[in-house]
């Protein structure tokens, strides 16, 4: 194949991937199912009360202390959050940014779940 044909195929492939991603987002938005992920809190700013969770889908999602379960909200408990496995739904704020919501902290014996993505109806 010529370079021109290969270049066109590459462009078509990228375009198809982008369309599939957009369709996936639309399906999630229209469905009654919320995407539930499992991930690990990788960073936490104690002073500001927020951090980041890395999910199995390789996404990094913002997490705020106000979205944590009550038992994990006090500042004396928050330093223990880094490395903690959590289950959460992905939501979007008014500006379209994603964040973790409906957070459940997994027990230590549930850490094998960290690699799973779950679809659940809420």
PDB file of N, CA and C in Angstrom:
ATOM      1  N   UNK A   1       0.836  -1.189   0.000  1.00  0.00           N
ATOM      2  CA  UNK A   1       0.000   0.000   0.000  1.00  0.00           C
ATOM      3  C   UNK A   1       0.872   1.241   0.000  1.00  0.00           C
ATOM      4  N   UNK A   2       0.363   2.253  -0.650  1.00  0.00           N
ATOM      5  CA  UNK A   2       1.119   3.498  -0.691  1.00  0.00           C
ATOM      6  C   UNK A   2       0.978   4.237   0.640  1.00  0.00           C
ATOM      7  N   UNK A   3       1.872   5.181   0.853  1.00  0.00           N
ATOM      8  CA  UNK A   3       1.819   6.000   2.077  1.00  0.00           C
ATOM      9  C   UNK A   3       0.523   6.789   2.168  1.00  0.00           C
ATOM     10  N   UNK A   4       0.042   7.236   1.022  1.00  0.00           N
ATOM     11  CA  UNK A   4      -1.194   8.014   0.997  1.00  0.00           C
ATOM     12  C   UNK A   4      -2.380   7.177   1.496  1.00  0.00           C
ATOM     13  N   UNK A   5      -2.455   5.943   1.060  1.00  0.00           N
ATOM     14  CA  UNK A   5      -3.537   5.051   1.483  1.00  0.00           C
ATOM     15  C   UNK A   5      -3.409   4.754   2.973  1.00  0.00           C
ATOM     16  N   UNK A   6      -2.192   4.481   3.440  1.00  0.00           N
ATOM     17  CA  UNK A   6      -1.968   4.219   4.858  1.00  0.00           C
ATOM     18  C   UNK A   6      -2.332   5.433   5.711  1.00  0.00           C
ATOM     19  N   UNK A   7      -1.994   6.611   5.245  1.00  0.00           N
ATOM     20  CA  UNK A   7      -2.329   7.834   5.984  1.00  0.00           C
ATOM     21  C   UNK A   7      -3.843   8.008   6.081  1.00  0.00           C
ATOM     22  N   UNK A   8      -4.548   7.744   4.981  1.00  0.00           N
ATOM     23  CA  UNK A   8      -6.014   7.849   4.991  1.00  0.00           C
ATOM     24  C   UNK A   8      -6.640   6.821   5.929  1.00  0.00           C
ATOM     25  N   UNK A   9      -6.112   5.595   5.923  1.00  0.00           N
ATOM     26  CA  UNK A   9      -6.621   4.561   6.817  1.00  0.00           C
ATOM     27  C   UNK A   9      -6.396   4.940   8.281  1.00  0.00           C
ATOM     28  N   UNK A  10      -5.259   5.519   8.579  1.00  0.00           N
ATOM     29  CA  UNK A  10      -4.968   5.955   9.943  1.00  0.00           C
ATOM     30  C   UNK A  10      -5.950   7.035  10.389  1.00  0.00           C
ATOM     31  N   UNK A  11      -6.230   7.975   9.513  1.00  0.00           N
ATOM     32  CA  UNK A  11      -7.184   9.051   9.832  1.00  0.00           C
ATOM     33  C   UNK A  11      -8.577   8.465  10.055  1.00  0.00           C
ATOM     34  N   UNK A  12      -8.993   7.528   9.196  1.00  0.00           N
ATOM     35  CA  UNK A  12     -10.297   6.885   9.354  1.00  0.00           C
ATOM     36  C   UNK A  12     -10.390   6.112  10.660  1.00  0.00           C
ATOM     37  N   UNK A  13      -9.317   5.434  11.010  1.00  0.00           N
ATOM     38  CA  UNK A  13      -9.292   4.657  12.253  1.00  0.00           C
ATOM     39  C   UNK A  13      -9.434   5.585  13.457  1.00  0.00           C
ATOM     40  N   UNK A  14      -8.695   6.686  13.483  1.00  0.00           N
ATOM     41  CA  UNK A  14      -8.793   7.656  14.587  1.00  0.00           C
ATOM     42  C   UNK A  14     -10.196   8.241  14.664  1.00  0.00           C
ATOM     43  N   UNK A  15     -10.765   8.554  13.519  1.00  0.00           N
ATOM     44  CA  UNK A  15     -12.112   9.113  13.469  1.00  0.00           C
ATOM     45  C   UNK A  15     -13.130   8.119  14.024  1.00  0.00           C
ATOM     46  N   UNK A  16     -12.979   6.853  13.651  1.00  0.00           N
ATOM     47  CA  UNK A  16     -13.894   5.820  14.139  1.00  0.00           C
ATOM     48  C   UNK A  16     -13.787   5.667  15.649  1.00  0.00           C
ATOM     49  N   UNK A  17     -12.568   5.696  16.177  1.00  0.00           N
ATOM     50  CA  UNK A  17     -12.371   5.597  17.630  1.00  0.00           C
ATOM     51  C   UNK A  17     -13.022   6.774  18.342  1.00  0.00           C
ATOM     52  N   UNK A  18     -12.885   7.947  17.778  1.00  0.00           N
ATOM     53  CA  UNK A  18     -13.490   9.143  18.389  1.00  0.00           C
ATOM     54  C   UNK A  18     -15.012   9.037  18.380  1.00  0.00           C
ATOM     55  N   UNK A  19     -15.572   8.546  17.288  1.00  0.00           N
ATOM     56  CA  UNK A  19     -17.031   8.393  17.203  1.00  0.00           C
ATOM     57  C   UNK A  19     -17.536   7.357  18.200  1.00  0.00           C
ATOM     58  N   UNK A  20     -16.807   6.262  18.344  1.00  0.00           N
ATOM     59  CA  UNK A  20     -17.195   5.238  19.317  1.00  0.00           C
ATOM     60  C   UNK A  20     -17.163   5.817  20.734  1.00  0.00           C
ATOM     61  N   UNK A  21     -16.141   6.588  21.063  1.00  0.00           N
ATOM     62  CA  UNK A  21     -16.050   7.203  22.382  1.00  0.00           C
ATOM     63  C   UNK A  21     -17.216   8.162  22.624  1.00  0.00           C
ATOM     64  N   UNK A  22     -17.575   8.948  21.618  1.00  0.00           N
ATOM     65  CA  UNK A  22     -18.704   9.868  21.758  1.00  0.00           C
ATOM     66  C   UNK A  22     -20.014   9.107  21.941  1.00  0.00           C
ATOM     67  N   UNK A  23     -20.204   8.041  21.191  1.00  0.00           N
ATOM     68  CA  UNK A  23     -21.414   7.232  21.328  1.00  0.00           C
ATOM     69  C   UNK A  23     -21.489   6.586  22.715  1.00  0.00           C
ATOM     70  N   UNK A  24     -20.360   6.107  23.206  1.00  0.00           N
ATOM     71  CA  UNK A  24     -20.321   5.506  24.534  1.00  0.00           C
ATOM     72  C   UNK A  24     -20.742   6.528  25.593  1.00  0.00           C
ATOM     73  N   UNK A  25     -20.239   7.759  25.477  1.00  0.00           N
ATOM     74  CA  UNK A  25     -20.615   8.826  26.409  1.00  0.00           C
ATOM     75  C   UNK A  25     -22.111   9.117  26.340  1.00  0.00           C
ATOM     76  N   UNK A  26     -22.661   9.145  25.125  1.00  0.00           N
ATOM     77  CA  UNK A  26     -24.097   9.421  24.962  1.00  0.00           C
ATOM     78  C   UNK A  26     -24.944   8.305  25.567  1.00  0.00           C
ATOM     79  N   UNK A  27     -24.532   7.067  25.363  1.00  0.00           N
ATOM     80  CA  UNK A  27     -25.269   5.941  25.931  1.00  0.00           C
ATOM     81  C   UNK A  27     -25.258   6.017  27.445  1.00  0.00           C
ATOM     82  N   UNK A  28     -24.095   6.310  28.033  1.00  0.00           N
ATOM     83  CA  UNK A  28     -24.017   6.449  29.487  1.00  0.00           C
ATOM     84  C   UNK A  28     -24.913   7.575  29.980  1.00  0.00           C
ATOM     85  N   UNK A  29     -24.931   8.668  29.275  1.00  0.00           N
ATOM     86  CA  UNK A  29     -25.735   9.817  29.688  1.00  0.00           C
ATOM     87  C   UNK A  29     -27.225   9.517  29.588  1.00  0.00           C
ATOM     88  N   UNK A  30     -27.624   8.744  28.601  1.00  0.00           N
ATOM     89  CA  UNK A  30     -29.038   8.463  28.388  1.00  0.00           C
ATOM     90  C   UNK A  30     -29.557   7.285  29.202  1.00  0.00           C
ATOM     91  N   UNK A  31     -28.675   6.428  29.634  1.00  0.00           N
ATOM     92  CA  UNK A  31     -29.132   5.237  30.349  1.00  0.00           C
ATOM     93  C   UNK A  31     -29.447   5.568  31.803  1.00  0.00           C
ATOM     94  N   UNK A  32     -30.207   4.696  32.416  1.00  0.00           N
ATOM     95  CA  UNK A  32     -30.522   4.844  33.834  1.00  0.00           C
ATOM     96  C   UNK A  32     -29.452   4.222  34.711  1.00  0.00           C
ATOM     97  N   UNK A  33     -28.428   3.670  34.096  1.00  0.00           N
ATOM     98  CA  UNK A  33     -27.348   3.040  34.840  1.00  0.00           C
ATOM     99  C   UNK A  33     -26.215   4.034  35.042  1.00  0.00           C
ATOM    100  N   UNK A  34     -25.702   4.025  36.233  1.00  0.00           N
ATOM    101  CA  UNK A  34     -24.530   4.853  36.517  1.00  0.00           C
ATOM    102  C   UNK A  34     -23.305   3.954  36.451  1.00  0.00           C
ATOM    103  N   UNK A  35     -22.255   4.478  35.892  1.00  0.00           N
ATOM    104  CA  UNK A  35     -21.012   3.728  35.795  1.00  0.00           C
ATOM    105  C   UNK A  35     -20.356   3.697  37.170  1.00  0.00           C
ATOM    106  N   UNK A  36     -20.142   2.524  37.704  1.00  0.00           N
ATOM    107  CA  UNK A  36     -19.505   2.377  39.009  1.00  0.00           C
ATOM    108  C   UNK A  36     -18.117   1.806  38.790  1.00  0.00           C
ATOM    109  N   UNK A  37     -17.120   2.491  39.322  1.00  0.00           N
ATOM    110  CA  UNK A  37     -15.733   2.076  39.160  1.00  0.00           C
ATOM    111  C   UNK A  37     -15.121   1.763  40.516  1.00  0.00           C
ATOM    112  N   UNK A  38     -14.030   1.052  40.468  1.00  0.00           N
ATOM    113  CA  UNK A  38     -13.226   0.787  41.655  1.00  0.00           C
ATOM    114  C   UNK A  38     -11.845   1.333  41.359  1.00  0.00           C
ATOM    115  N   UNK A  39     -11.269   2.046  42.322  1.00  0.00           N
ATOM    116  CA  UNK A  39      -9.946   2.610  42.128  1.00  0.00           C
ATOM    117  C   UNK A  39      -9.247   2.850  43.453  1.00  0.00           C
ATOM    118  N   UNK A  40      -8.082   3.446  43.374  1.00  0.00           N
ATOM    119  CA  UNK A  40      -7.259   3.696  44.555  1.00  0.00           C
ATOM    120  C   UNK A  40      -6.983   5.195  44.653  1.00  0.00           C
ATOM    121  N   UNK A  41      -7.148   5.749  45.851  1.00  0.00           N
ATOM    122  CA  UNK A  41      -6.814   7.155  46.069  1.00  0.00           C
ATOM    123  C   UNK A  41      -5.297   7.285  46.024  1.00  0.00           C
ATOM    124  N   UNK A  42      -4.795   8.090  45.093  1.00  0.00           N
ATOM    125  CA  UNK A  42      -3.358   8.203  44.873  1.00  0.00           C
ATOM    126  C   UNK A  42      -2.777   9.502  45.414  1.00  0.00           C
ATOM    127  N   UNK A  43      -3.625  10.471  45.708  1.00  0.00           N
ATOM    128  CA  UNK A  43      -3.133  11.758  46.208  1.00  0.00           C
ATOM    129  C   UNK A  43      -4.229  12.386  47.053  1.00  0.00           C
ATOM    130  N   UNK A  44      -3.825  13.035  48.160  1.00  0.00           N
ATOM    131  CA  UNK A  44      -4.805  13.706  49.012  1.00  0.00           C
ATOM    132  C   UNK A  44      -4.188  14.970  49.593  1.00  0.00           C
ATOM    133  N   UNK A  45      -4.863  16.110  49.433  1.00  0.00           N
ATOM    134  CA  UNK A  45      -4.429  17.394  50.002  1.00  0.00           C
ATOM    135  C   UNK A  45      -5.272  17.623  51.249  1.00  0.00           C
ATOM    136  N   UNK A  46      -4.675  17.400  52.415  1.00  0.00           N
ATOM    137  CA  UNK A  46      -5.397  17.493  53.683  1.00  0.00           C
ATOM    138  C   UNK A  46      -5.900  18.902  53.950  1.00  0.00           C
ATOM    139  N   UNK A  47      -5.089  19.909  53.617  1.00  0.00           N
ATOM    140  CA  UNK A  47      -5.490  21.299  53.869  1.00  0.00           C
ATOM    141  C   UNK A  47      -6.719  21.705  53.062  1.00  0.00           C
ATOM    142  N   UNK A  48      -6.792  21.252  51.820  1.00  0.00           N
ATOM    143  CA  UNK A  48      -7.899  21.646  50.945  1.00  0.00           C
ATOM    144  C   UNK A  48      -9.037  20.627  50.933  1.00  0.00           C
ATOM    145  N   UNK A  49      -8.800  19.429  51.474  1.00  0.00           N
ATOM    146  CA  UNK A  49      -9.850  18.429  51.568  1.00  0.00           C
ATOM    147  C   UNK A  49     -10.249  17.798  50.250  1.00  0.00           C
ATOM    148  N   UNK A  50      -9.275  17.588  49.371  1.00  0.00           N
ATOM    149  CA  UNK A  50      -9.570  16.899  48.111  1.00  0.00           C
ATOM    150  C   UNK A  50      -8.370  16.081  47.666  1.00  0.00           C
ATOM    151  N   UNK A  51      -8.617  15.216  46.702  1.00  0.00           N
ATOM    152  CA  UNK A  51      -7.544  14.386  46.172  1.00  0.00           C
ATOM    153  C   UNK A  51      -7.939  13.800  44.836  1.00  0.00           C
ATOM    154  N   UNK A  52      -7.207  12.748  44.459  1.00  0.00           N
ATOM    155  CA  UNK A  52      -7.413  12.115  43.156  1.00  0.00           C
ATOM    156  C   UNK A  52      -7.438  10.607  43.329  1.00  0.00           C
ATOM    157  N   UNK A  53      -8.332   9.982  42.585  1.00  0.00           N
ATOM    158  CA  UNK A  53      -8.416   8.529  42.576  1.00  0.00           C
ATOM    159  C   UNK A  53      -8.061   8.046  41.175  1.00  0.00           C
ATOM    160  N   UNK A  54      -7.253   6.984  41.111  1.00  0.00           N
ATOM    161  CA  UNK A  54      -6.910   6.370  39.821  1.00  0.00           C
ATOM    162  C   UNK A  54      -7.740   5.102  39.708  1.00  0.00           C
ATOM    163  N   UNK A  55      -8.569   5.069  38.682  1.00  0.00           N
ATOM    164  CA  UNK A  55      -9.481   3.942  38.478  1.00  0.00           C
ATOM    165  C   UNK A  55      -8.877   2.915  37.527  1.00  0.00           C
ATOM    166  N   UNK A  56      -9.511   1.754  37.462  1.00  0.00           N
ATOM    167  CA  UNK A  56      -9.049   0.680  36.603  1.00  0.00           C
ATOM    168  C   UNK A  56      -9.080   1.082  35.140  1.00  0.00           C
ATOM    169  N   UNK A  57      -9.970   2.024  34.771  1.00  0.00           N
ATOM    170  CA  UNK A  57     -10.035   2.465  33.374  1.00  0.00           C
ATOM    171  C   UNK A  57      -8.929   3.464  33.045  1.00  0.00           C
ATOM    172  N   UNK A  58      -7.945   3.597  33.938  1.00  0.00           N
ATOM    173  CA  UNK A  58      -6.792   4.495  33.826  1.00  0.00           C
ATOM    174  C   UNK A  58      -7.169   5.964  33.940  1.00  0.00           C
ATOM    175  N   UNK A  59      -8.427   6.243  34.249  1.00  0.00           N
ATOM    176  CA  UNK A  59      -8.834   7.627  34.470  1.00  0.00           C
ATOM    177  C   UNK A  59      -8.443   8.094  35.855  1.00  0.00           C
ATOM    178  N   UNK A  60      -8.205   9.388  35.957  1.00  0.00           N
ATOM    179  CA  UNK A  60      -7.961  10.016  37.265  1.00  0.00           C
ATOM    180  C   UNK A  60      -9.159  10.911  37.528  1.00  0.00           C
ATOM    181  N   UNK A  61      -9.784  10.712  38.675  1.00  0.00           N
ATOM    182  CA  UNK A  61     -10.994  11.435  39.005  1.00  0.00           C
ATOM    183  C   UNK A  61     -10.807  12.230  40.293  1.00  0.00           C
ATOM    184  N   UNK A  62     -11.301  13.451  40.268  1.00  0.00           N
ATOM    185  CA  UNK A  62     -11.275  14.337  41.420  1.00  0.00           C
ATOM    186  C   UNK A  62     -12.200  13.774  42.492  1.00  0.00           C
ATOM    187  N   UNK A  63     -11.780  13.841  43.747  1.00  0.00           N
ATOM    188  CA  UNK A  63     -12.630  13.420  44.860  1.00  0.00           C
ATOM    189  C   UNK A  63     -12.525  14.464  45.970  1.00  0.00           C
ATOM    190  N   UNK A  64     -13.670  14.914  46.472  1.00  0.00           N
ATOM    191  CA  UNK A  64     -13.721  15.941  47.520  1.00  0.00           C
ATOM    192  C   UNK A  64     -14.177  15.306  48.825  1.00  0.00           C
ATOM    193  N   UNK A  65     -13.696  15.846  49.922  1.00  0.00           N
ATOM    194  CA  UNK A  65     -14.037  15.308  51.245  1.00  0.00           C
ATOM    195  C   UNK A  65     -15.540  15.283  51.486  1.00  0.00           C
ATOM    196  N   UNK A  66     -16.263  16.219  50.900  1.00  0.00           N
ATOM    197  CA  UNK A  66     -17.717  16.262  51.102  1.00  0.00           C
ATOM    198  C   UNK A  66     -18.430  15.073  50.468  1.00  0.00           C
ATOM    199  N   UNK A  67     -17.750  14.343  49.585  1.00  0.00           N
ATOM    200  CA  UNK A  67     -18.348  13.185  48.934  1.00  0.00           C
ATOM    201  C   UNK A  67     -17.942  11.871  49.599  1.00  0.00           C
ATOM    202  N   UNK A  68     -17.115  11.959  50.637  1.00  0.00           N
ATOM    203  CA  UNK A  68     -16.675  10.764  51.342  1.00  0.00           C
ATOM    204  C   UNK A  68     -17.748  10.282  52.304  1.00  0.00           C
ATOM    205  N   UNK A  69     -17.728   8.976  52.628  1.00  0.00           N
ATOM    206  CA  UNK A  69     -18.624   8.502  53.680  1.00  0.00           C
ATOM    207  C   UNK A  69     -18.323   9.241  54.988  1.00  0.00           C
ATOM    208  N   UNK A  70     -19.325   9.403  55.815  1.00  0.00           N
ATOM    209  CA  UNK A  70     -19.200  10.189  57.052  1.00  0.00           C
ATOM    210  C   UNK A  70     -18.009   9.760  57.905  1.00  0.00           C
ATOM    211  N   UNK A  71     -17.764   8.474  58.009  1.00  0.00           N
ATOM    212  CA  UNK A  71     -16.675   7.980  58.857  1.00  0.00           C
ATOM    213  C   UNK A  71     -15.294   8.413  58.359  1.00  0.00           C
ATOM    214  N   UNK A  72     -15.183   8.742  57.068  1.00  0.00           N
ATOM    215  CA  UNK A  72     -13.891   9.129  56.497  1.00  0.00           C
ATOM    216  C   UNK A  72     -13.758  10.638  56.317  1.00  0.00           C
ATOM    217  N   UNK A  73     -14.778  11.380  56.661  1.00  0.00           N
ATOM    218  CA  UNK A  73     -14.746  12.826  56.454  1.00  0.00           C
ATOM    219  C   UNK A  73     -13.882  13.594  57.453  1.00  0.00           C
ATOM    220  N   UNK A  74     -13.767  13.181  58.732  1.00  0.00           N
ATOM    221  CA  UNK A  74     -12.953  13.973  59.661  1.00  0.00           C
ATOM    222  C   UNK A  74     -11.501  14.087  59.213  1.00  0.00           C
ATOM    223  N   UNK A  75     -10.917  15.258  59.459  1.00  0.00           N
ATOM    224  CA  UNK A  75      -9.544  15.509  58.996  1.00  0.00           C
ATOM    225  C   UNK A  75      -8.518  14.592  59.649  1.00  0.00           C
ATOM    226  N   UNK A  76      -8.790  14.072  60.843  1.00  0.00           N
ATOM    227  CA  UNK A  76      -7.820  13.172  61.473  1.00  0.00           C
ATOM    228  C   UNK A  76      -7.817  11.786  60.814  1.00  0.00           C
ATOM    229  N   UNK A  77      -8.831  11.475  60.041  1.00  0.00           N
ATOM    230  CA  UNK A  77      -8.910  10.191  59.340  1.00  0.00           C
ATOM    231  C   UNK A  77      -8.405  10.321  57.898  1.00  0.00           C
ATOM    232  N   UNK A  78      -8.544  11.494  57.306  1.00  0.00           N
ATOM    233  CA  UNK A  78      -8.211  11.698  55.896  1.00  0.00           C
ATOM    234  C   UNK A  78      -6.773  11.349  55.512  1.00  0.00           C
ATOM    235  N   UNK A  79      -5.770  11.533  56.385  1.00  0.00           N
ATOM    236  CA  UNK A  79      -4.411  11.150  55.960  1.00  0.00           C
ATOM    237  C   UNK A  79      -4.287   9.658  55.618  1.00  0.00           C
ATOM    238  N   UNK A  80      -5.186   8.848  56.118  1.00  0.00           N
ATOM    239  CA  UNK A  80      -5.144   7.406  55.846  1.00  0.00           C
ATOM    240  C   UNK A  80      -5.750   7.058  54.491  1.00  0.00           C
ATOM    241  N   UNK A  81      -6.267   8.038  53.770  1.00  0.00           N
ATOM    242  CA  UNK A  81      -6.950   7.774  52.507  1.00  0.00           C
ATOM    243  C   UNK A  81      -6.021   7.346  51.377  1.00  0.00           C
ATOM    244  N   UNK A  82      -4.801   7.873  51.336  1.00  0.00           N
ATOM    245  CA  UNK A  82      -3.891   7.525  50.235  1.00  0.00           C
ATOM    246  C   UNK A  82      -3.613   6.027  50.275  1.00  0.00           C
ATOM    247  N   UNK A  83      -3.861   5.386  49.140  1.00  0.00           N
ATOM    248  CA  UNK A  83      -3.684   3.944  49.037  1.00  0.00           C
ATOM    249  C   UNK A  83      -4.957   3.166  49.311  1.00  0.00           C
ATOM    250  N   UNK A  84      -6.001   3.864  49.739  1.00  0.00           N
ATOM    251  CA  UNK A  84      -7.271   3.209  50.057  1.00  0.00           C
ATOM    252  C   UNK A  84      -8.044   2.884  48.782  1.00  0.00           C
ATOM    253  N   UNK A  85      -8.600   1.689  48.712  1.00  0.00           N
ATOM    254  CA  UNK A  85      -9.423   1.279  47.585  1.00  0.00           C
ATOM    255  C   UNK A  85     -10.850   1.757  47.826  1.00  0.00           C
ATOM    256  N   UNK A  86     -11.426   2.394  46.800  1.00  0.00           N
ATOM    257  CA  UNK A  86     -12.797   2.882  46.906  1.00  0.00           C
ATOM    258  C   UNK A  86     -13.611   2.460  45.687  1.00  0.00           C
ATOM    259  N   UNK A  87     -14.909   2.454  45.872  1.00  0.00           N
ATOM    260  CA  UNK A  87     -15.864   2.229  44.794  1.00  0.00           C
ATOM    261  C   UNK A  87     -16.639   3.533  44.639  1.00  0.00           C
ATOM    262  N   UNK A  88     -16.909   3.957  43.402  1.00  0.00           N
ATOM    263  CA  UNK A  88     -17.543   5.252  43.201  1.00  0.00           C
ATOM    264  C   UNK A  88     -18.245   5.329  41.858  1.00  0.00           C
ATOM    265  N   UNK A  89     -19.121   6.312  41.735  1.00  0.00           N
ATOM    266  CA  UNK A  89     -19.728   6.612  40.445  1.00  0.00           C
ATOM    267  C   UNK A  89     -19.028   7.836  39.880  1.00  0.00           C
ATOM    268  N   UNK A  90     -19.104   7.989  38.582  1.00  0.00           N
ATOM    269  CA  UNK A  90     -18.498   9.136  37.917  1.00  0.00           C
ATOM    270  C   UNK A  90     -19.610  10.117  37.560  1.00  0.00           C
ATOM    271  N   UNK A  91     -19.464  11.339  38.003  1.00  0.00           N
ATOM    272  CA  UNK A  91     -20.424  12.402  37.719  1.00  0.00           C
ATOM    273  C   UNK A  91     -19.704  13.535  37.019  1.00  0.00           C
ATOM    274  N   UNK A  92     -20.475  14.482  36.512  1.00  0.00           N
ATOM    275  CA  UNK A  92     -19.903  15.681  35.879  1.00  0.00           C
ATOM    276  C   UNK A  92     -20.468  16.911  36.560  1.00  0.00           C
ATOM    277  N   UNK A  93     -19.597  17.912  36.765  1.00  0.00           N
ATOM    278  CA  UNK A  93     -20.071  19.176  37.338  1.00  0.00           C
ATOM    279  C   UNK A  93     -20.632  20.060  36.232  1.00  0.00           C
ATOM    280  N   UNK A  94     -21.052  21.269  36.586  1.00  0.00           N
ATOM    281  CA  UNK A  94     -21.664  22.172  35.600  1.00  0.00           C
ATOM    282  C   UNK A  94     -20.730  22.514  34.448  1.00  0.00           C
ATOM    283  N   UNK A  95     -19.419  22.455  34.712  1.00  0.00           N
ATOM    284  CA  UNK A  95     -18.436  22.774  33.668  1.00  0.00           C
ATOM    285  C   UNK A  95     -18.003  21.551  32.872  1.00  0.00           C
ATOM    286  N   UNK A  96     -18.614  20.399  33.158  1.00  0.00           N
ATOM    287  CA  UNK A  96     -18.296  19.193  32.416  1.00  0.00           C
ATOM    288  C   UNK A  96     -17.121  18.389  32.948  1.00  0.00           C
ATOM    289  N   UNK A  97     -16.552  18.800  34.085  1.00  0.00           N
ATOM    290  CA  UNK A  97     -15.421  18.066  34.663  1.00  0.00           C
ATOM    291  C   UNK A  97     -15.932  16.856  35.443  1.00  0.00           C
ATOM    292  N   UNK A  98     -15.217  15.748  35.340  1.00  0.00           N
ATOM    293  CA  UNK A  98     -15.637  14.533  36.040  1.00  0.00           C
ATOM    294  C   UNK A  98     -15.132  14.539  37.475  1.00  0.00           C
ATOM    295  N   UNK A  99     -15.920  13.893  38.350  1.00  0.00           N
ATOM    296  CA  UNK A  99     -15.517  13.727  39.738  1.00  0.00           C
ATOM    297  C   UNK A  99     -16.133  12.452  40.300  1.00  0.00           C
ATOM    298  N   UNK A 100     -15.531  11.961  41.378  1.00  0.00           N
ATOM    299  CA  UNK A 100     -16.025  10.753  42.043  1.00  0.00           C
ATOM    300  C   UNK A 100     -17.134  11.128  43.008  1.00  0.00           C
ATOM    301  N   UNK A 101     -18.210  10.343  42.976  1.00  0.00           N
ATOM    302  CA  UNK A 101     -19.362  10.579  43.844  1.00  0.00           C
ATOM    303  C   UNK A 101     -19.874   9.230  44.340  1.00  0.00           C
ATOM    304  N   UNK A 102     -20.777   9.247  45.304  1.00  0.00           N
ATOM    305  CA  UNK A 102     -21.365   8.021  45.864  1.00  0.00           C
ATOM    306  C   UNK A 102     -20.257   7.033  46.231  1.00  0.00           C
ATOM    307  N   UNK A 103     -19.330   7.489  47.045  1.00  0.00           N
ATOM    308  CA  UNK A 103     -18.116   6.740  47.368  1.00  0.00           C
ATOM    309  C   UNK A 103     -18.363   5.731  48.484  1.00  0.00           C
ATOM    310  N   UNK A 104     -17.848   4.532  48.266  1.00  0.00           N
ATOM    311  CA  UNK A 104     -17.810   3.505  49.292  1.00  0.00           C
ATOM    312  C   UNK A 104     -16.355   3.122  49.487  1.00  0.00           C
ATOM    313  N   UNK A 105     -15.913   3.039  50.729  1.00  0.00           N
ATOM    314  CA  UNK A 105     -14.551   2.620  51.020  1.00  0.00           C
ATOM    315  C   UNK A 105     -14.547   1.107  51.145  1.00  0.00           C
ATOM    316  N   UNK A 106     -13.684   0.451  50.371  1.00  0.00           N
ATOM    317  CA  UNK A 106     -13.616  -1.016  50.381  1.00  0.00           C
ATOM    318  C   UNK A 106     -12.812  -1.492  51.585  1.00  0.00           C
ATOM    319  N   UNK A 107     -13.248  -2.605  52.143  1.00  0.00           N
ATOM    320  CA  UNK A 107     -12.492  -3.211  53.243  1.00  0.00           C
ATOM    321  C   UNK A 107     -11.186  -3.757  52.687  1.00  0.00           C
ATOM    322  N   UNK A 108     -10.231  -3.988  53.559  1.00  0.00           N
ATOM    323  CA  UNK A 108      -8.936  -4.515  53.125  1.00  0.00           C
ATOM    324  C   UNK A 108      -9.081  -5.841  52.386  1.00  0.00           C
ATOM    325  N   UNK A 109     -10.021  -6.684  52.810  1.00  0.00           N
ATOM    326  CA  UNK A 109     -10.176  -7.974  52.140  1.00  0.00           C
ATOM    327  C   UNK A 109     -10.905  -7.864  50.812  1.00  0.00           C
ATOM    328  N   UNK A 110     -11.361  -6.658  50.446  1.00  0.00           N
ATOM    329  CA  UNK A 110     -12.011  -6.438  49.154  1.00  0.00           C
ATOM    330  C   UNK A 110     -11.048  -5.848  48.127  1.00  0.00           C
ATOM    331  N   UNK A 111      -9.777  -5.742  48.442  1.00  0.00           N
ATOM    332  CA  UNK A 111      -8.846  -5.074  47.535  1.00  0.00           C
ATOM    333  C   UNK A 111      -8.699  -5.780  46.196  1.00  0.00           C
ATOM    334  N   UNK A 112      -9.078  -7.055  46.132  1.00  0.00           N
ATOM    335  CA  UNK A 112      -9.027  -7.745  44.840  1.00  0.00           C
ATOM    336  C   UNK A 112      -9.997  -7.127  43.848  1.00  0.00           C
ATOM    337  N   UNK A 113     -10.943  -6.318  44.327  1.00  0.00           N
ATOM    338  CA  UNK A 113     -11.902  -5.661  43.444  1.00  0.00           C
ATOM    339  C   UNK A 113     -11.293  -4.477  42.701  1.00  0.00           C
ATOM    340  N   UNK A 114     -10.112  -4.043  43.090  1.00  0.00           N
ATOM    341  CA  UNK A 114      -9.532  -2.821  42.539  1.00  0.00           C
ATOM    342  C   UNK A 114      -9.358  -2.876  41.025  1.00  0.00           C
ATOM    343  N   UNK A 115      -9.301  -4.053  40.448  1.00  0.00           N
ATOM    344  CA  UNK A 115      -9.118  -4.140  39.010  1.00  0.00           C
ATOM    345  C   UNK A 115     -10.400  -4.319  38.234  1.00  0.00           C
ATOM    346  N   UNK A 116     -11.535  -4.281  38.905  1.00  0.00           N
ATOM    347  CA  UNK A 116     -12.796  -4.546  38.226  1.00  0.00           C
ATOM    348  C   UNK A 116     -13.569  -3.266  37.966  1.00  0.00           C
ATOM    349  N   UNK A 117     -14.248  -3.225  36.837  1.00  0.00           N
ATOM    350  CA  UNK A 117     -15.212  -2.158  36.569  1.00  0.00           C
ATOM    351  C   UNK A 117     -16.580  -2.807  36.681  1.00  0.00           C
ATOM    352  N   UNK A 118     -17.450  -2.187  37.429  1.00  0.00           N
ATOM    353  CA  UNK A 118     -18.776  -2.749  37.623  1.00  0.00           C
ATOM    354  C   UNK A 118     -19.822  -1.823  37.057  1.00  0.00           C
ATOM    355  N   UNK A 119     -20.829  -2.373  36.453  1.00  0.00           N
ATOM    356  CA  UNK A 119     -21.997  -1.622  35.994  1.00  0.00           C
ATOM    357  C   UNK A 119     -23.123  -1.980  36.945  1.00  0.00           C
ATOM    358  N   UNK A 120     -23.692  -0.994  37.609  1.00  0.00           N
ATOM    359  CA  UNK A 120     -24.799  -1.251  38.510  1.00  0.00           C
ATOM    360  C   UNK A 120     -25.891  -0.241  38.279  1.00  0.00           C
ATOM    361  N   UNK A 121     -27.109  -0.647  38.498  1.00  0.00           N
ATOM    362  CA  UNK A 121     -28.243   0.278  38.422  1.00  0.00           C
ATOM    363  C   UNK A 121     -28.412   0.908  39.792  1.00  0.00           C
ATOM    364  N   UNK A 122     -28.461   2.215  39.830  1.00  0.00           N
ATOM    365  CA  UNK A 122     -28.646   2.899  41.117  1.00  0.00           C
ATOM    366  C   UNK A 122     -30.020   3.491  41.202  1.00  0.00           C
TER     367      UNK A 122
END
